[in-house]
C-alpha atoms as a PDB file:
ATOM      1  CA  MET A   1       0.000   0.000   0.000  1.00  0.00           C
ATOM      2  CA  VAL A   2       1.343   3.411  -0.977  1.00  0.00           C
ATOM      3  CA  THR A   3       0.474   6.364   1.235  1.00  0.00           C
ATOM      4  CA  THR A   4       1.058   9.958   0.195  1.00  0.00           C
ATOM      5  CA  VAL A   5       2.801  12.102   2.799  1.00  0.00           C
ATOM      6  CA  GLY A   6       0.253  13.985   4.850  1.00  0.00           C
ATOM      7  CA  THR A   7      -2.700  11.670   4.156  1.00  0.00           C
ATOM      8  CA  ALA A   8      -2.129   9.296   7.084  1.00  0.00           C
ATOM      9  CA  GLU A   9      -1.502   9.989  10.755  1.00  0.00           C
ATOM     10  CA  PHE A  10       2.138  10.935  11.306  1.00  0.00           C
ATOM     11  CA  ILE A  11       4.597  12.056  13.941  1.00  0.00           C
ATOM     12  CA  HIS A  12       6.687  15.170  13.274  1.00  0.00           C
ATOM     13  CA  PHE A  13      10.073  15.659  14.951  1.00  0.00           C
ATOM     14  CA  ASP A  14      12.330  18.689  14.771  1.00  0.00           C
ATOM     15  CA  ALA A  15      15.631  17.189  13.633  1.00  0.00           C
ATOM     16  CA  ASN A  16      17.627  18.860  16.403  1.00  0.00           C
ATOM     17  CA  VAL A  17      15.609  17.425  19.296  1.00  0.00           C
ATOM     18  CA  VAL A  18      16.775  14.397  21.279  1.00  0.00           C
ATOM     19  CA  PHE A  19      14.411  12.854  23.797  1.00  0.00           C
ATOM     20  CA  GLU A  20      13.695   9.844  25.922  1.00  0.00           C
ATOM     21  CA  THR A  21      11.414   7.179  24.461  1.00  0.00           C
ATOM     22  CA  ARG A  22       8.717   7.824  27.091  1.00  0.00           C
ATOM     23  CA  ILE A  23       7.847  11.014  25.193  1.00  0.00           C
ATOM     24  CA  LEU A  24       7.257   9.127  21.954  1.00  0.00           C
ATOM     25  CA  ARG A  25       5.258   6.441  23.761  1.00  0.00           C
ATOM     26  CA  ALA A  26       3.046   9.055  25.441  1.00  0.00           C
ATOM     27  CA  LEU A  27       2.466  10.751  22.086  1.00  0.00           C
ATOM     28  CA  ILE A  28       1.618   7.538  20.240  1.00  0.00           C
ATOM     29  CA  ASP A  29      -0.577   6.258  23.066  1.00  0.00           C
ATOM     30  CA  GLY A  30      -2.430   9.578  23.360  1.00  0.00           C
ATOM     31  CA  ASP A  31      -6.093   9.235  22.387  1.00  0.00           C
ATOM     32  CA  LEU A  32      -6.398  12.691  20.833  1.00  0.00           C
ATOM     33  CA  PRO A  33      -5.670  13.182  17.133  1.00  0.00           C
ATOM     34  CA  ASN A  34      -3.491  16.342  17.106  1.00  0.00           C
ATOM     35  CA  LEU A  35      -1.012  16.575  19.972  1.00  0.00           C
ATOM     36  CA  LEU A  36       1.782  19.064  20.584  1.00  0.00           C
ATOM     37  CA  CYS A  37       4.356  18.020  23.191  1.00  0.00           C
ATOM     38  CA  ILE A  38       4.916  20.864  25.636  1.00  0.00           C
ATOM     39  CA  ASP A  39       7.185  21.385  28.603  1.00  0.00           C
ATOM     40  CA  ARG A  40       5.866  23.628  31.382  1.00  0.00           C
ATOM     41  CA  ASN A  41       9.319  24.105  32.895  1.00  0.00           C
ATOM     42  CA  SER A  42      11.377  24.847  29.813  1.00  0.00           C
ATOM     43  CA  LYS A  43      13.811  27.658  30.382  1.00  0.00           C
ATOM     44  CA  SER A  44      15.338  27.540  26.911  1.00  0.00           C
ATOM     45  CA  PRO A  45      16.838  30.861  25.887  1.00  0.00           C
ATOM     46  CA  GLY A  46      15.789  32.630  22.728  1.00  0.00           C
ATOM     47  CA  GLU A  47      12.671  32.845  20.651  1.00  0.00           C
ATOM     48  CA  LYS A  48      10.706  29.690  21.475  1.00  0.00           C
ATOM     49  CA  VAL A  49       7.255  28.550  20.374  1.00  0.00           C
ATOM     50  CA  LYS A  50       4.896  28.853  23.326  1.00  0.00           C
ATOM     51  CA  VAL A  51       1.430  27.342  23.780  1.00  0.00           C
ATOM     52  CA  ILE A  52      -1.704  28.558  25.545  1.00  0.00           C
ATOM     53  CA  ALA A  53      -4.230  25.838  26.369  1.00  0.00           C
ATOM     54  CA  ASP A  54      -7.362  25.525  28.492  1.00  0.00           C
ATOM     55  CA  ASP A  55      -8.000  23.169  31.428  1.00  0.00           C
ATOM     56  CA  GLU A  56      -8.710  20.341  28.980  1.00  0.00           C
ATOM     57  CA  MET A  57      -5.361  21.015  27.273  1.00  0.00           C
ATOM     58  CA  ARG A  58      -7.042  22.275  24.075  1.00  0.00           C
ATOM     59  CA  VAL A  59      -4.689  24.737  22.400  1.00  0.00           C
ATOM     60  CA  SER A  60      -6.066  28.229  21.870  1.00  0.00           C
ATOM     61  CA  GLU A  61      -2.838  29.923  20.787  1.00  0.00           C
ATOM     62  CA  ILE A  62       0.600  28.867  19.604  1.00  0.00           C
ATOM     63  CA  GLY A  63       3.543  30.933  18.449  1.00  0.00           C
ATOM     64  CA  LYS A  64       6.763  32.732  19.191  1.00  0.00           C
ATOM     65  CA  SER A  65       4.916  35.937  20.067  1.00  0.00           C
ATOM     66  CA  VAL A  66       2.799  34.301  22.814  1.00  0.00           C
ATOM     67  CA  ASP A  67       3.454  35.973  26.165  1.00  0.00           C
ATOM     68  CA  PRO A  68       5.481  33.518  28.293  1.00  0.00           C
ATOM     69  CA  ALA A  69       3.568  34.701  31.379  1.00  0.00           C
ATOM     70  CA  THR A  70       0.272  33.380  29.944  1.00  0.00           C
ATOM     71  CA  ALA A  71       1.689  30.313  28.179  1.00  0.00           C
ATOM     72  CA  LEU A  72       1.175  26.798  29.498  1.00  0.00           C
ATOM     73  CA  GLY A  73       4.645  25.916  28.245  1.00  0.00           C
ATOM     74  CA  GLU A  74       7.040  25.592  25.327  1.00  0.00           C
ATOM     75  CA  SER A  75       6.401  23.369  22.326  1.00  0.00           C
ATOM     76  CA  ILE A  76       9.377  21.017  22.057  1.00  0.00           C
ATOM     77  CA  GLY A  77       9.024  20.321  18.322  1.00  0.00           C
ATOM     78  CA  ILE A  78       7.419  16.876  18.509  1.00  0.00           C
ATOM     79  CA  GLU A  79       3.813  16.510  17.361  1.00  0.00           C
ATOM     80  CA  LYS A  80       1.247  13.902  16.306  1.00  0.00           C
ATOM     81  CA  ILE A  81      -0.918  14.960  13.354  1.00  0.00           C
ATOM     82  CA  SER A  82      -4.094  13.088  12.376  1.00  0.00           C
ATOM     83  CA  ALA A  83      -4.930  11.794   8.891  1.00  0.00           C
ATOM     84  CA  VAL A  84      -7.745  14.382   8.737  1.00  0.00           C
ATOM     85  CA  THR A  85      -5.501  17.290   9.742  1.00  0.00           C
ATOM     86  CA  GLY A  86      -2.503  16.285   7.585  1.00  0.00           C
ATOM     87  CA  PRO A  87      -3.885  17.492   4.220  1.00  0.00           C
ATOM     88  CA  LEU A  88      -5.127  20.706   5.830  1.00  0.00           C
ATOM     89  CA  LEU A  89      -1.716  21.283   7.412  1.00  0.00           C
ATOM     90  CA  PHE A  90       0.097  20.770   4.107  1.00  0.00           C
ATOM     91  CA  ALA A  91      -2.376  23.119   2.380  1.00  0.00           C
ATOM     92  CA  GLU A  92      -1.620  25.795   4.998  1.00  0.00           C
ATOM     93  CA  LEU A  93       2.126  25.277   4.550  1.00  0.00           C
ATOM     94  CA  ARG A  94       1.770  25.486   0.758  1.00  0.00           C
ATOM     95  CA  GLU A  95      -0.258  28.698   1.041  1.00  0.00           C
ATOM     96  CA  MET A  96       2.308  30.170   3.438  1.00  0.00           C
ATOM     97  CA  MET A  97       5.209  29.323   1.103  1.00  0.00           C
ATOM     98  CA  GLU A  98       3.479  30.954  -1.858  1.00  0.00           C
ATOM     99  CA  ASN A  99       3.384  34.305  -0.022  1.00  0.00           C
ATOM    100  CA  SER A 100       6.772  36.015   0.309  1.00  0.00           C
ATOM    101  CA  ALA A 101       5.528  37.767   3.459  1.00  0.00           C
ATOM    102  CA  ASN A 102       5.884  34.377   5.180  1.00  0.00           C
ATOM    103  CA  ALA A 103       9.539  33.897   4.188  1.00  0.00           C
ATOM    104  CA  GLN A 104      10.651  33.960   7.840  1.00  0.00           C
ATOM    105  CA  ALA A 105       7.623  32.194   9.311  1.00  0.00           C
ATOM    106  CA  CYS A 106       8.164  28.979  11.270  1.00  0.00           C
ATOM    107  CA  TYR A 107       6.134  25.865  10.433  1.00  0.00           C
ATOM    108  CA  GLU A 108       4.250  26.173  13.743  1.00  0.00           C
ATOM    109  CA  GLU A 109       2.509  29.182  12.203  1.00  0.00           C
ATOM    110  CA  ALA A 110       0.538  26.655  10.122  1.00  0.00           C
ATOM    111  CA  TYR A 111      -0.646  25.033  13.371  1.00  0.00           C
ATOM    112  CA  ALA A 112      -1.688  28.470  14.640  1.00  0.00           C
ATOM    113  CA  ARG A 113      -3.628  29.137  11.435  1.00  0.00           C
ATOM    114  CA  LEU A 114      -5.448  25.799  11.787  1.00  0.00           C
ATOM    115  CA  VAL A 115      -6.242  26.514  15.458  1.00  0.00           C
ATOM    116  CA  ASP A 116      -7.656  29.896  14.399  1.00  0.00           C
ATOM    117  CA  LYS A 117      -9.880  28.049  11.884  1.00  0.00           C
ATOM    118  CA  GLY A 118     -11.227  25.777  14.627  1.00  0.00           C
ATOM    119  CA  MET A 119      -9.095  22.656  14.082  1.00  0.00           C
ATOM    120  CA  PRO A 120      -8.587  21.065  17.512  1.00  0.00           C
ATOM    121  CA  PHE A 121      -5.017  20.689  18.748  1.00  0.00           C
ATOM    122  CA  HIS A 122      -4.184  19.567  22.261  1.00  0.00           C
ATOM    123  CA  ALA A 123      -1.097  19.947  24.412  1.00  0.00           C
ATOM    124  CA  LEU A 124       0.594  16.829  25.750  1.00  0.00           C
ATOM    125  CA  ASP A 125       2.440  17.759  28.921  1.00  0.00           C
ATOM    126  CA  ILE A 126       5.833  16.038  28.946  1.00  0.00           C
ATOM    127  CA  THR A 127       7.196  18.114  31.819  1.00  0.00           C
ATOM    128  CA  GLY A 128       9.808  16.172  33.761  1.00  0.00           C
ATOM    129  CA  MET A 129      10.750  13.922  30.860  1.00  0.00           C
ATOM    130  CA  LYS A 130      14.191  14.320  29.305  1.00  0.00           C
ATOM    131  CA  TRP A 131      14.562  16.227  26.054  1.00  0.00           C
ATOM    132  CA  THR A 132      16.795  18.922  24.635  1.00  0.00           C
ATOM    133  CA  GLU A 133      17.655  20.705  21.409  1.00  0.00           C
ATOM    134  CA  ILE A 134      21.129  20.424  19.915  1.00  0.00           C
ATOM    135  CA  ASP A 135      22.172  23.517  17.980  1.00  0.00           C
ATOM    136  CA  THR A 136      25.746  24.037  19.183  1.00  0.00           C
ATOM    137  CA  PRO A 137      28.697  22.006  20.461  1.00  0.00           C
ATOM    138  CA  GLU A 138      27.734  23.178  23.957  1.00  0.00           C
ATOM    139  CA  ASP A 139      24.202  21.821  23.441  1.00  0.00           C
ATOM    140  CA  PHE A 140      25.704  18.498  22.328  1.00  0.00           C
ATOM    141  CA  ALA A 141      27.809  18.313  25.481  1.00  0.00           C
ATOM    142  CA  ALA A 142      24.748  19.162  27.595  1.00  0.00           C
ATOM    143  CA  ALA A 143      22.722  16.425  25.859  1.00  0.00           C
ATOM    144  CA  ASN A 144      25.458  13.886  26.565  1.00  0.00           C
ATOM    145  CA  ALA A 145      25.462  14.952  30.206  1.00  0.00           C
ATOM    146  CA  MET A 146      21.653  14.767  30.371  1.00  0.00           C
ATOM    147  CA  PHE A 147      21.331  11.281  28.921  1.00  0.00           C
ATOM    148  CA  GLY A 148      24.635   9.990  30.272  1.00  0.00           C
ATOM    149  CA  THR A 149      24.516   6.492  28.795  1.00  0.00           C
ATOM    150  CA  PRO A 150      24.261   5.031  25.317  1.00  0.00           C
ATOM    151  CA  ILE A 151      20.749   4.940  23.937  1.00  0.00           C
ATOM    152  CA  THR A 152      18.863   1.742  24.678  1.00  0.00           C
ATOM    153  CA  THR A 153      15.696   0.382  23.163  1.00  0.00           C
ATOM    154  CA  VAL A 154      13.160  -0.972  25.600  1.00  0.00           C
ATOM    155  CA  SER A 155       9.803  -2.470  24.628  1.00  0.00           C
ATOM    156  CA  ARG A 156       6.577  -0.964  25.984  1.00  0.00           C
ATOM    157  CA  GLY A 157       6.060  -3.973  28.250  1.00  0.00           C
ATOM    158  CA  GLN A 158       9.616  -3.745  29.555  1.00  0.00           C
ATOM    159  CA  GLN A 159       9.249   0.006  30.143  1.00  0.00           C
ATOM    160  CA  ARG A 160       5.974  -0.452  32.042  1.00  0.00           C
ATOM    161  CA  ALA A 161       7.607  -3.090  34.253  1.00  0.00           C
ATOM    162  CA  LEU A 162      10.598  -0.805  34.839  1.00  0.00           C
ATOM    163  CA  ASP A 163       8.316   2.150  35.620  1.00  0.00           C
ATOM    164  CA  GLU A 164       6.271   0.065  38.053  1.00  0.00           C
ATOM    165  CA  ALA A 165       9.437  -1.207  39.725  1.00  0.00           C
ATOM    166  CA  GLY A 166      10.876   2.313  39.818  1.00  0.00           C
ATOM    167  CA  THR A 167      14.085   1.268  38.073  1.00  0.00           C
ATOM    168  CA  LYS A 168      15.954   2.400  35.011  1.00  0.00           C
ATOM    169  CA  PRO A 169      17.186   0.120  32.225  1.00  0.00           C
ATOM    170  CA  GLN A 170      20.882  -0.681  32.193  1.00  0.00           C
ATOM    171  CA  ALA A 171      22.789   0.666  29.217  1.00  0.00           C
ATOM    172  CA  ARG A 172      23.695  -2.004  26.697  1.00  0.00           C
ATOM    173  CA  LEU A 173      27.154  -1.680  25.205  1.00  0.00           C
END
């Protein structure tokens, strides 16, 4: 079966983000169709994409110009997009690219445009889980310090057992 990009549910990752597998599992296991991973405690410097959401985590605003004081948290650049939303998202991106006024716009602006048109997006709070962006050699060193061991792959069943036991997997060399 051949599927055209944007016509099936997909996960989007910013290429410079490293994260623990629990984030991906939470995103995939989430029941809602359009989820934006957010961190309430992010203190990343610079111009970050911030999210405002209600008590049910429905996003009402997303963007770099959102006031950090009113934001729920920072979008970390990992999202789940539904098969219904995918074509609409790509249409928004296409429309944005055709207008030179959007030359410096970030892709999250397309999410904001869809939210403004009533498309439901929800925030998935990943606060406390490990993630970071790598843009510089210093960021790379910080990521190595954060994760500390070689990456391991653990099945969902293994992870649940580890979580219940309150232990961490041993690094496999």
